[in-house]
Amino acid sequence: MTAVLEIRGLSKSFGQRKALQGIDLSAGPGEILAFLGPNGAGKTTLLKVVSTLLTPTSGSVSVDGFDVVEAPEEARRRIGCVFHDFMLYDDLTVEENLTFFGRLYGARPSVPKLDALLERVGLLHRKVDRIATLSRGMKQRVALARAMLNSPRLLLFDEPFTGLDEAAAETLKSFLRGFAGSSGSVLLTSHDPRLAHSLASRLFILSQGKVAKEVPSERVPVESFVHDFREVVGGLP
């Protein structure tokens, strides 16, 4: 079975600064991979390279067999992204945002598909409300619905649990597990080792652009992973 994501020898530099150095990993269908580390470790840069927003300095990245440099449009068709800036239009309704972005992506979603996506993220009852009236957690769910418009194989999330209350966090966890359970793959970044351990199948601690430690979550107790995380990041909570 073809891996959803393949990364080989990936490096990314900004001038003299090496943001990523020699990253090697793959993600198969059904996997959730979490990347942790201090600010500047390379987490967001990694997601941006995979999403085609940044070009690798060296190495390769492919999504569903399509190289992100040689075939970026094919790779993007298989990726859904949710970053810190949800990039939604406050003056448009939920439905209008999804319709606009669907057309922008070439998906042209039907009303039944939009309703199904909003039902899936628990926002069908808010579809005619303007984005400006929604909470941060609800905006994130709209962004998640937008990320699903093109039926992606790979979901990318940058700090998805920031600012969410406990109920919203559990809803998002359930969604991500369901997506992985339907043969998708998820890459997410986090500063919370316990939360990441509870969700991800594999955990990667990044430090200075390198993978300092890779851990299969089911084989390592959470407290051991928290200890390893604090050791790498210098005692941060």
Protein backbone atom coordinates (compact mmCIF):
# COMPACT_ATOMS: atom_id res chain seq x y z
CA MET A 1 0.00 0.00 0.00
CA THR A 2 1.33 3.44 -0.97
CA ALA A 3 2.18 5.64 1.97
CA VAL A 4 0.05 8.76 2.23
CA LEU A 5 3.16 10.80 3.04
CA GLU A 6 6.85 10.12 2.32
CA ILE A 7 9.62 12.47 3.48
CA ARG A 8 13.22 11.69 2.62
CA GLY A 9 16.27 13.75 3.59
CA LEU A 10 14.21 16.91 3.98
CA SER A 11 16.09 20.10 4.82
CA LYS A 12 14.95 23.71 4.74
CA SER A 13 17.16 26.73 5.27
CA PHE A 14 16.43 30.43 5.50
CA GLY A 15 19.76 32.01 4.68
CA GLN A 16 22.23 30.66 7.20
CA ARG A 17 19.52 29.35 9.53
CA LYS A 18 18.70 25.66 9.16
CA ALA A 19 15.02 25.26 10.05
CA LEU A 20 14.87 21.56 9.11
CA GLN A 21 17.78 19.14 8.85
CA GLY A 22 17.60 15.65 7.33
CA ILE A 23 14.02 14.71 8.21
CA ASP A 24 13.01 11.15 7.23
CA LEU A 25 9.56 9.76 7.93
CA SER A 26 6.47 8.26 6.36
CA ALA A 27 2.80 8.17 7.31
CA GLY A 28 0.50 5.37 6.28
CA PRO A 29 -3.29 5.26 6.09
CA GLY A 30 -4.83 5.48 9.55
CA GLU A 31 -1.88 7.15 11.26
CA ILE A 32 -1.86 10.32 13.35
CA LEU A 33 1.62 11.81 13.74
CA ALA A 34 2.30 14.52 16.32
CA PHE A 35 5.31 16.86 16.28
CA LEU A 36 6.37 18.53 19.48
CA GLY A 37 9.18 20.86 20.46
CA PRO A 38 9.98 24.39 21.56
CA ASN A 39 9.35 27.46 19.42
CA GLY A 40 11.79 27.47 16.53
CA ALA A 41 12.19 23.68 16.50
CA GLY A 42 10.85 23.46 12.93
CA LYS A 43 7.31 22.19 13.52
CA THR A 44 5.41 24.80 11.51
CA THR A 45 8.10 24.88 8.81
CA LEU A 46 7.64 21.13 8.34
CA LEU A 47 3.89 21.52 7.83
CA LYS A 48 4.39 24.40 5.40
CA VAL A 49 6.81 22.38 3.28
CA VAL A 50 4.43 19.41 3.19
CA SER A 51 1.54 21.73 2.26
CA THR A 52 3.60 23.20 -0.66
CA LEU A 53 3.66 26.68 0.94
CA LEU A 54 7.45 26.42 1.23
CA THR A 55 9.92 24.75 -1.14
CA PRO A 56 12.44 22.30 0.33
CA THR A 57 16.10 23.28 0.22
CA SER A 58 16.97 19.63 -0.29
CA GLY A 59 15.34 16.22 -0.01
CA SER A 60 11.88 15.19 -1.14
CA VAL A 61 8.27 15.14 0.04
CA SER A 62 5.47 13.25 -1.68
CA VAL A 63 1.76 12.96 -0.90
CA ASP A 64 -0.02 9.91 -2.26
CA GLY A 65 2.97 9.44 -4.56
CA PHE A 66 2.98 13.02 -5.92
CA ASP A 67 6.11 15.08 -5.27
CA VAL A 68 5.27 18.46 -3.74
CA VAL A 69 7.82 20.21 -5.97
CA GLU A 70 7.38 18.32 -9.23
CA ALA A 71 3.58 17.93 -9.00
CA PRO A 72 2.38 20.53 -6.46
CA GLU A 73 -1.19 20.79 -7.79
CA GLU A 74 -1.72 17.02 -7.57
CA ALA A 75 -0.23 17.00 -4.07
CA ARG A 76 -2.43 19.91 -2.93
CA ARG A 77 -5.57 18.13 -4.13
CA ARG A 78 -4.84 15.46 -1.53
CA ILE A 79 -4.11 17.79 1.38
CA GLY A 80 -6.34 19.66 3.81
CA CYS A 81 -4.78 22.35 6.04
CA VAL A 82 -5.82 24.19 9.17
CA PHE A 83 -3.28 26.73 10.43
CA HIS A 84 -3.43 29.35 13.22
CA ASP A 85 -4.93 31.96 10.90
CA PHE A 86 -8.17 30.32 9.81
CA MET A 87 -8.35 32.62 6.75
CA LEU A 88 -12.13 32.97 6.81
CA TYR A 89 -14.11 36.03 5.74
CA ASP A 90 -15.83 37.51 8.79
CA ASP A 91 -18.56 39.28 6.81
CA LEU A 92 -19.62 36.13 4.96
CA THR A 93 -21.74 33.36 6.40
CA VAL A 94 -20.42 29.89 7.13
CA GLU A 95 -22.09 28.56 3.99
CA GLU A 96 -20.82 31.44 1.84
CA ASN A 97 -17.25 30.87 3.03
CA LEU A 98 -17.35 27.19 2.17
CA THR A 99 -18.97 27.84 -1.21
CA PHE A 100 -16.34 30.47 -2.06
CA PHE A 101 -13.39 28.31 -1.07
CA GLY A 102 -14.89 25.28 -2.76
CA ARG A 103 -15.02 27.15 -6.06
CA LEU A 104 -11.53 28.50 -5.46
CA TYR A 105 -10.25 24.94 -5.03
CA GLY A 106 -12.21 23.75 -8.06
CA ALA A 107 -14.39 21.52 -5.89
CA ARG A 108 -17.74 23.33 -6.48
CA PRO A 109 -19.48 21.57 -3.56
CA SER A 110 -23.20 20.91 -3.77
CA VAL A 111 -25.59 22.04 -1.04
CA PRO A 112 -26.01 18.43 0.19
CA LYS A 113 -22.20 18.05 0.45
CA LEU A 114 -21.86 21.33 2.35
CA ASP A 115 -24.63 20.32 4.71
CA ALA A 116 -23.00 16.92 5.25
CA LEU A 117 -19.65 18.55 6.07
CA LEU A 118 -21.25 21.01 8.47
CA GLU A 119 -23.19 18.21 10.12
CA ARG A 120 -19.94 16.30 10.52
CA VAL A 121 -18.28 19.20 12.35
CA GLY A 122 -21.42 20.03 14.33
CA LEU A 123 -22.20 23.38 12.72
CA LEU A 124 -25.13 22.75 10.42
CA HIS A 125 -27.32 24.88 12.70
CA ARG A 126 -24.95 27.86 12.19
CA LYS A 127 -24.55 27.70 8.42
CA VAL A 128 -26.31 31.02 7.72
CA ASP A 129 -24.50 32.88 10.53
CA ARG A 130 -21.64 35.26 9.77
CA ILE A 131 -18.16 34.10 10.75
CA ALA A 132 -17.74 37.19 12.95
CA THR A 133 -20.44 35.84 15.30
CA LEU A 134 -18.67 32.52 15.96
CA SER A 135 -16.34 31.53 18.78
CA ARG A 136 -12.75 30.53 18.05
CA GLY A 137 -13.65 26.86 18.39
CA MET A 138 -16.50 27.22 15.91
CA LYS A 139 -14.27 29.10 13.45
CA GLN A 140 -11.80 26.25 13.67
CA ARG A 141 -14.58 23.80 12.82
CA VAL A 142 -15.50 25.87 9.77
CA ALA A 143 -11.83 25.81 8.74
CA LEU A 144 -11.86 22.04 9.24
CA ALA A 145 -14.94 21.70 7.02
CA ARG A 146 -13.15 23.82 4.41
CA ALA A 147 -10.11 21.53 4.64
CA MET A 148 -12.38 18.56 3.88
CA LEU A 149 -13.92 20.09 0.74
CA ASN A 150 -11.49 18.30 -1.56
CA SER A 151 -11.79 14.92 0.23
CA PRO A 152 -8.10 14.92 1.30
CA ARG A 153 -5.95 11.93 2.17
CA LEU A 154 -3.75 14.02 4.47
CA LEU A 155 -4.79 16.59 7.09
CA LEU A 156 -2.27 19.12 8.43
CA PHE A 157 -2.97 20.90 11.73
CA ASP A 158 -0.78 23.52 13.39
CA GLU A 159 -1.49 23.63 17.14
CA PRO A 160 -5.14 22.58 16.66
CA PHE A 161 -6.06 22.56 20.36
CA THR A 162 -4.90 26.09 21.19
CA GLY A 163 -7.74 28.11 22.73
CA LEU A 164 -10.26 25.24 22.75
CA ASP A 165 -12.25 24.32 25.82
CA GLU A 166 -12.39 20.70 26.95
CA ALA A 167 -15.61 19.88 25.08
CA ALA A 168 -14.32 21.38 21.82
CA ALA A 169 -11.02 19.54 22.22
CA GLU A 170 -12.79 16.20 22.66
CA THR A 171 -14.92 16.89 19.58
CA LEU A 172 -11.81 17.60 17.53
CA LYS A 173 -10.07 14.48 18.84
CA SER A 174 -13.07 12.38 17.81
CA PHE A 175 -13.06 13.93 14.34
CA LEU A 176 -9.36 13.30 13.79
CA ARG A 177 -9.63 9.70 14.97
CA GLY A 178 -12.57 9.20 12.62
CA PHE A 179 -10.63 10.69 9.71
CA ALA A 180 -7.67 8.42 10.39
CA GLY A 181 -10.05 5.48 10.77
CA SER A 182 -11.27 6.07 7.21
CA SER A 183 -7.71 5.56 5.86
CA GLY A 184 -6.59 9.18 6.07
CA SER A 185 -3.40 10.43 7.72
CA VAL A 186 -2.98 13.36 10.09
CA LEU A 187 0.07 15.50 10.88
CA LEU A 188 -0.28 17.91 13.77
CA THR A 189 1.94 20.07 15.93
CA SER A 190 1.52 20.50 19.67
CA HIS A 191 3.16 21.89 22.81
CA ASP A 192 1.19 19.49 25.02
CA PRO A 193 2.91 16.08 25.39
CA ARG A 194 0.03 14.47 27.28
CA LEU A 195 -2.59 15.52 24.76
CA ALA A 196 -0.39 14.43 21.85
CA HIS A 197 0.27 11.07 23.50
CA SER A 198 -3.48 10.48 23.92
CA LEU A 199 -4.16 11.08 20.23
CA ALA A 200 -1.19 10.22 18.04
CA SER A 201 0.05 6.81 16.95
CA ARG A 202 3.60 8.17 16.64
CA LEU A 203 5.25 11.11 18.38
CA PHE A 204 8.22 13.13 17.15
CA ILE A 205 10.17 15.55 19.34
CA LEU A 206 11.92 18.16 17.20
CA SER A 207 14.90 20.18 18.33
CA GLN A 208 16.83 22.63 16.15
CA GLY A 209 15.23 21.26 13.01
CA LYS A 210 16.06 17.62 13.71
CA VAL A 211 14.08 14.66 15.04
CA ALA A 212 15.55 14.30 18.53
CA LYS A 213 13.28 11.39 19.41
CA GLU A 214 10.60 9.26 17.73
CA VAL A 215 8.18 7.38 19.96
CA PRO A 216 5.36 4.93 19.15
CA SER A 217 2.79 6.08 21.69
CA GLU A 218 1.30 2.65 22.43
CA ARG A 219 4.69 1.32 23.55
CA VAL A 220 5.69 4.16 25.87
CA PRO A 221 3.79 5.24 29.02
CA VAL A 222 2.68 8.84 28.94
CA GLU A 223 4.81 9.88 31.91
CA SER A 224 7.92 8.47 30.25
CA PHE A 225 7.15 10.47 27.13
CA VAL A 226 6.54 13.63 29.16
CA HIS A 227 9.95 13.10 30.81
CA ASP A 228 11.62 12.68 27.41
CA PHE A 229 9.86 15.77 26.07
CA ARG A 230 10.96 17.93 29.02
CA GLU A 231 14.49 16.64 28.73
CA VAL A 232 14.69 17.67 25.07
CA VAL A 233 13.02 21.08 25.46
CA GLY A 234 14.90 21.98 28.64
CA GLY A 235 12.29 21.48 31.33
CA LEU A 236 9.40 23.32 29.75
CA PRO A 237 5.99 22.20 31.17
